[in-house]
């Protein structure tokens, strides 16, 4: 929705090839400039239950939006909110382009 089809396709390809890296939840939250969802959100609650049951969450997919000076969370907003709600200093696996 933000990027045209050509740019979006290239980003998807780049994300597929990107290595998994790690960032603190608070740094992703701050860089994305998004509001935080609470535990009352159904997706956050579901992810929290997964973590409490020892299940791992998928890495976040992030895109650097240099023009607007922020990070776009292409996939994983609810996961980021879940982890941040538990521990803002927690390390989250990510792929970033």
N, C-alpha and C. Protein backbone atom coordinates (compact mmCIF):
# COMPACT_ATOMS: atom_id res chain seq x y z
N UNK A 1 0.82 -1.20 0.00
CA UNK A 1 0.00 0.00 0.00
C UNK A 1 0.87 1.26 0.00
N UNK A 2 2.04 1.17 0.61
CA UNK A 2 2.93 2.33 0.65
C UNK A 2 3.82 2.37 -0.58
N UNK A 3 4.29 1.20 -1.00
CA UNK A 3 5.24 1.11 -2.10
C UNK A 3 4.56 0.55 -3.34
N UNK A 4 5.02 0.97 -4.51
CA UNK A 4 4.44 0.43 -5.74
C UNK A 4 4.84 -1.04 -5.90
N UNK A 5 4.21 -1.71 -6.84
CA UNK A 5 4.40 -3.16 -7.00
C UNK A 5 5.86 -3.55 -7.26
N UNK A 6 6.57 -2.76 -8.04
CA UNK A 6 7.96 -3.09 -8.36
C UNK A 6 8.83 -3.00 -7.11
N UNK A 7 8.68 -1.92 -6.36
CA UNK A 7 9.47 -1.73 -5.14
C UNK A 7 9.10 -2.80 -4.12
N UNK A 8 7.82 -3.07 -3.96
CA UNK A 8 7.37 -4.08 -2.98
C UNK A 8 7.92 -5.46 -3.33
N UNK A 9 7.91 -5.81 -4.60
CA UNK A 9 8.43 -7.12 -5.02
C UNK A 9 9.91 -7.23 -4.70
N UNK A 10 10.66 -6.15 -4.95
CA UNK A 10 12.09 -6.16 -4.66
C UNK A 10 12.34 -6.29 -3.16
N UNK A 11 11.52 -5.62 -2.35
CA UNK A 11 11.67 -5.71 -0.90
C UNK A 11 11.40 -7.12 -0.39
N UNK A 12 10.39 -7.76 -0.95
CA UNK A 12 10.07 -9.14 -0.57
C UNK A 12 11.26 -10.05 -0.88
N UNK A 13 11.82 -9.89 -2.07
CA UNK A 13 12.98 -10.69 -2.45
C UNK A 13 14.17 -10.42 -1.52
N UNK A 14 14.38 -9.14 -1.21
CA UNK A 14 15.48 -8.77 -0.31
C UNK A 14 15.26 -9.34 1.09
N UNK A 15 14.02 -9.31 1.58
CA UNK A 15 13.71 -9.86 2.90
C UNK A 15 13.94 -11.37 2.94
N UNK A 16 13.60 -12.05 1.85
CA UNK A 16 13.82 -13.50 1.80
C UNK A 16 15.30 -13.83 1.94
N UNK A 17 16.16 -12.99 1.37
CA UNK A 17 17.61 -13.23 1.39
C UNK A 17 18.29 -12.64 2.62
N UNK A 18 17.61 -11.78 3.35
CA UNK A 18 18.23 -11.09 4.48
C UNK A 18 18.51 -12.06 5.63
N UNK A 19 19.64 -11.88 6.29
CA UNK A 19 19.92 -12.71 7.46
C UNK A 19 19.05 -12.28 8.64
N UNK A 20 18.86 -13.18 9.56
CA UNK A 20 18.13 -12.84 10.78
C UNK A 20 19.09 -12.08 11.69
N UNK A 21 18.63 -10.95 12.18
CA UNK A 21 19.40 -10.14 13.11
C UNK A 21 18.53 -9.92 14.35
N UNK A 22 19.00 -9.14 15.30
CA UNK A 22 18.24 -8.93 16.52
C UNK A 22 18.27 -7.47 16.92
N UNK A 23 17.13 -7.00 17.45
CA UNK A 23 17.01 -5.66 18.01
C UNK A 23 16.19 -5.74 19.28
N UNK A 24 16.40 -4.81 20.19
CA UNK A 24 15.57 -4.74 21.38
C UNK A 24 14.17 -4.28 20.99
N UNK A 25 13.17 -4.78 21.70
CA UNK A 25 11.78 -4.42 21.43
C UNK A 25 11.59 -2.91 21.49
N UNK A 26 12.18 -2.27 22.49
CA UNK A 26 12.00 -0.81 22.64
C UNK A 26 12.59 -0.04 21.47
N UNK A 27 13.66 -0.54 20.87
CA UNK A 27 14.27 0.15 19.73
C UNK A 27 13.41 0.03 18.48
N UNK A 28 12.83 -1.15 18.28
CA UNK A 28 11.92 -1.34 17.14
C UNK A 28 10.69 -0.47 17.32
N UNK A 29 10.14 -0.49 18.52
CA UNK A 29 8.95 0.32 18.82
C UNK A 29 9.22 1.80 18.56
N UNK A 30 10.34 2.28 19.07
CA UNK A 30 10.69 3.69 18.91
C UNK A 30 10.91 4.05 17.44
N UNK A 31 11.61 3.19 16.71
CA UNK A 31 11.92 3.46 15.30
C UNK A 31 10.69 3.39 14.41
N UNK A 32 9.71 2.57 14.80
CA UNK A 32 8.51 2.43 13.96
C UNK A 32 7.53 3.59 14.14
N UNK A 33 7.62 4.26 15.27
CA UNK A 33 6.71 5.37 15.59
C UNK A 33 5.24 4.94 15.62
N UNK A 34 4.98 3.69 15.93
CA UNK A 34 3.61 3.19 16.03
C UNK A 34 3.15 3.22 17.48
N UNK A 35 1.85 3.16 17.69
CA UNK A 35 1.33 3.06 19.04
C UNK A 35 1.36 1.59 19.47
N UNK A 36 1.42 1.39 20.75
CA UNK A 36 1.53 0.05 21.30
C UNK A 36 0.15 -0.54 21.56
N UNK A 37 -0.05 -1.78 21.14
CA UNK A 37 -1.29 -2.50 21.44
C UNK A 37 -1.14 -3.18 22.79
N UNK A 38 -2.23 -3.23 23.54
CA UNK A 38 -2.21 -3.86 24.86
C UNK A 38 -2.64 -5.31 24.82
N UNK A 39 -2.64 -5.92 25.98
CA UNK A 39 -2.98 -7.33 26.13
C UNK A 39 -4.44 -7.60 25.75
N UNK A 40 -5.27 -6.58 25.74
CA UNK A 40 -6.68 -6.79 25.38
C UNK A 40 -6.85 -7.08 23.88
N UNK A 41 -5.83 -6.80 23.09
CA UNK A 41 -5.89 -7.12 21.67
C UNK A 41 -5.80 -8.63 21.49
N UNK A 42 -6.67 -9.20 20.69
CA UNK A 42 -6.74 -10.65 20.51
C UNK A 42 -5.46 -11.26 19.98
N UNK A 43 -4.81 -10.61 19.03
CA UNK A 43 -3.57 -11.14 18.47
C UNK A 43 -2.44 -11.11 19.50
N UNK A 44 -2.39 -10.03 20.27
CA UNK A 44 -1.37 -9.91 21.31
C UNK A 44 -1.59 -11.00 22.36
N UNK A 45 -2.83 -11.20 22.74
CA UNK A 45 -3.17 -12.23 23.74
C UNK A 45 -2.78 -13.62 23.24
N UNK A 46 -3.07 -13.90 21.97
CA UNK A 46 -2.73 -15.20 21.38
C UNK A 46 -1.21 -15.41 21.37
N UNK A 47 -0.47 -14.36 20.98
CA UNK A 47 0.99 -14.46 20.96
C UNK A 47 1.56 -14.63 22.36
N UNK A 48 0.96 -13.95 23.32
CA UNK A 48 1.42 -14.06 24.71
C UNK A 48 1.24 -15.50 25.20
N UNK A 49 0.12 -16.11 24.87
CA UNK A 49 -0.12 -17.51 25.24
C UNK A 49 0.91 -18.43 24.61
N UNK A 50 1.26 -18.16 23.34
CA UNK A 50 2.29 -18.96 22.67
C UNK A 50 3.61 -18.89 23.44
N UNK A 51 4.01 -17.68 23.80
CA UNK A 51 5.26 -17.51 24.53
C UNK A 51 5.22 -18.20 25.88
N UNK A 52 4.10 -18.10 26.57
CA UNK A 52 3.97 -18.74 27.89
C UNK A 52 4.01 -20.27 27.77
N UNK A 53 3.64 -20.79 26.60
CA UNK A 53 3.69 -22.23 26.36
C UNK A 53 5.01 -22.68 25.73
N UNK A 54 5.98 -21.76 25.68
CA UNK A 54 7.31 -22.12 25.18
C UNK A 54 7.46 -22.10 23.67
N UNK A 55 6.45 -21.61 22.95
CA UNK A 55 6.54 -21.54 21.49
C UNK A 55 7.28 -20.27 21.08
N UNK A 56 8.08 -20.40 20.05
CA UNK A 56 8.79 -19.24 19.50
C UNK A 56 7.89 -18.49 18.53
N UNK A 57 8.09 -17.19 18.44
CA UNK A 57 7.37 -16.37 17.46
C UNK A 57 8.27 -16.16 16.24
N UNK A 58 7.66 -15.99 15.10
CA UNK A 58 8.41 -15.75 13.86
C UNK A 58 9.16 -14.43 13.93
N UNK A 59 10.29 -14.32 13.23
CA UNK A 59 11.01 -13.05 13.19
C UNK A 59 10.15 -11.94 12.56
N UNK A 60 10.39 -10.73 12.99
CA UNK A 60 9.73 -9.57 12.40
C UNK A 60 10.36 -9.28 11.04
N UNK A 61 9.59 -8.75 10.13
CA UNK A 61 10.10 -8.29 8.84
C UNK A 61 10.03 -6.77 8.84
N UNK A 62 11.17 -6.14 8.72
CA UNK A 62 11.28 -4.68 8.84
C UNK A 62 11.84 -4.06 7.56
N UNK A 63 11.36 -2.87 7.26
CA UNK A 63 11.83 -2.11 6.10
C UNK A 63 12.24 -0.72 6.57
N UNK A 64 13.46 -0.34 6.24
CA UNK A 64 13.93 1.01 6.57
C UNK A 64 13.29 2.01 5.60
N UNK A 65 12.53 2.93 6.14
CA UNK A 65 11.93 4.01 5.35
C UNK A 65 12.76 5.26 5.61
N UNK A 66 13.84 5.37 4.85
CA UNK A 66 14.81 6.44 5.07
C UNK A 66 14.20 7.81 4.79
N UNK A 67 13.32 7.90 3.81
CA UNK A 67 12.70 9.17 3.46
C UNK A 67 11.93 9.75 4.64
N UNK A 68 11.20 8.90 5.37
CA UNK A 68 10.39 9.35 6.50
C UNK A 68 11.06 9.13 7.85
N UNK A 69 12.28 8.60 7.84
CA UNK A 69 13.03 8.43 9.07
C UNK A 69 12.41 7.48 10.06
N UNK A 70 11.91 6.34 9.56
CA UNK A 70 11.31 5.36 10.47
C UNK A 70 11.50 3.96 9.91
N UNK A 71 11.09 2.99 10.70
CA UNK A 71 11.11 1.59 10.28
C UNK A 71 9.66 1.14 10.10
N UNK A 72 9.39 0.55 8.96
CA UNK A 72 8.06 0.00 8.69
C UNK A 72 8.09 -1.47 9.12
N UNK A 73 7.13 -1.85 9.96
CA UNK A 73 7.00 -3.25 10.34
C UNK A 73 6.12 -3.90 9.28
N UNK A 74 6.77 -4.56 8.31
CA UNK A 74 6.04 -5.17 7.20
C UNK A 74 5.27 -6.39 7.68
N UNK A 75 5.80 -7.08 8.68
CA UNK A 75 5.11 -8.24 9.25
C UNK A 75 5.61 -8.41 10.68
N UNK A 76 4.67 -8.45 11.63
CA UNK A 76 5.05 -8.73 13.00
C UNK A 76 4.69 -7.66 14.01
N UNK A 77 3.83 -6.72 13.65
CA UNK A 77 3.44 -5.64 14.57
C UNK A 77 2.87 -6.22 15.87
N UNK A 78 1.97 -7.18 15.78
CA UNK A 78 1.37 -7.77 16.98
C UNK A 78 2.41 -8.53 17.80
N UNK A 79 3.34 -9.18 17.12
CA UNK A 79 4.41 -9.89 17.84
C UNK A 79 5.30 -8.91 18.58
N UNK A 80 5.63 -7.78 17.94
CA UNK A 80 6.46 -6.77 18.59
C UNK A 80 5.73 -6.22 19.82
N UNK A 81 4.44 -5.93 19.70
CA UNK A 81 3.67 -5.41 20.83
C UNK A 81 3.61 -6.43 21.96
N UNK A 82 3.50 -7.71 21.61
CA UNK A 82 3.47 -8.77 22.62
C UNK A 82 4.75 -8.79 23.42
N UNK A 83 5.86 -8.84 22.72
CA UNK A 83 7.16 -8.93 23.39
C UNK A 83 7.43 -7.67 24.19
N UNK A 84 7.15 -6.52 23.62
CA UNK A 84 7.37 -5.25 24.32
C UNK A 84 6.56 -5.20 25.62
N UNK A 85 5.32 -5.71 25.57
CA UNK A 85 4.47 -5.72 26.75
C UNK A 85 5.00 -6.61 27.87
N UNK A 86 5.80 -7.58 27.53
CA UNK A 86 6.39 -8.48 28.52
C UNK A 86 7.71 -7.91 29.03
N UNK A 87 8.55 -7.43 28.10
CA UNK A 87 9.87 -6.91 28.46
C UNK A 87 10.38 -6.02 27.34
N UNK A 88 10.38 -4.72 27.58
CA UNK A 88 10.79 -3.79 26.53
C UNK A 88 12.25 -3.95 26.13
N UNK A 89 13.05 -4.57 26.98
CA UNK A 89 14.46 -4.80 26.66
C UNK A 89 14.70 -6.16 26.00
N UNK A 90 13.63 -6.92 25.78
CA UNK A 90 13.78 -8.24 25.15
C UNK A 90 14.33 -8.10 23.74
N UNK A 91 15.12 -9.07 23.36
CA UNK A 91 15.70 -9.11 22.02
C UNK A 91 14.74 -9.84 21.09
N UNK A 92 14.45 -9.22 19.95
CA UNK A 92 13.51 -9.80 18.98
C UNK A 92 14.26 -10.13 17.70
N UNK A 93 14.14 -11.37 17.20
CA UNK A 93 14.74 -11.71 15.92
C UNK A 93 14.00 -10.98 14.79
N UNK A 94 14.77 -10.47 13.83
CA UNK A 94 14.21 -9.69 12.73
C UNK A 94 14.98 -9.92 11.44
N UNK A 95 14.32 -9.63 10.35
CA UNK A 95 14.98 -9.45 9.06
C UNK A 95 14.71 -8.01 8.68
N UNK A 96 15.73 -7.32 8.21
CA UNK A 96 15.56 -5.90 7.89
C UNK A 96 16.22 -5.58 6.56
N UNK A 97 15.55 -4.78 5.76
CA UNK A 97 16.09 -4.29 4.48
C UNK A 97 15.89 -2.79 4.41
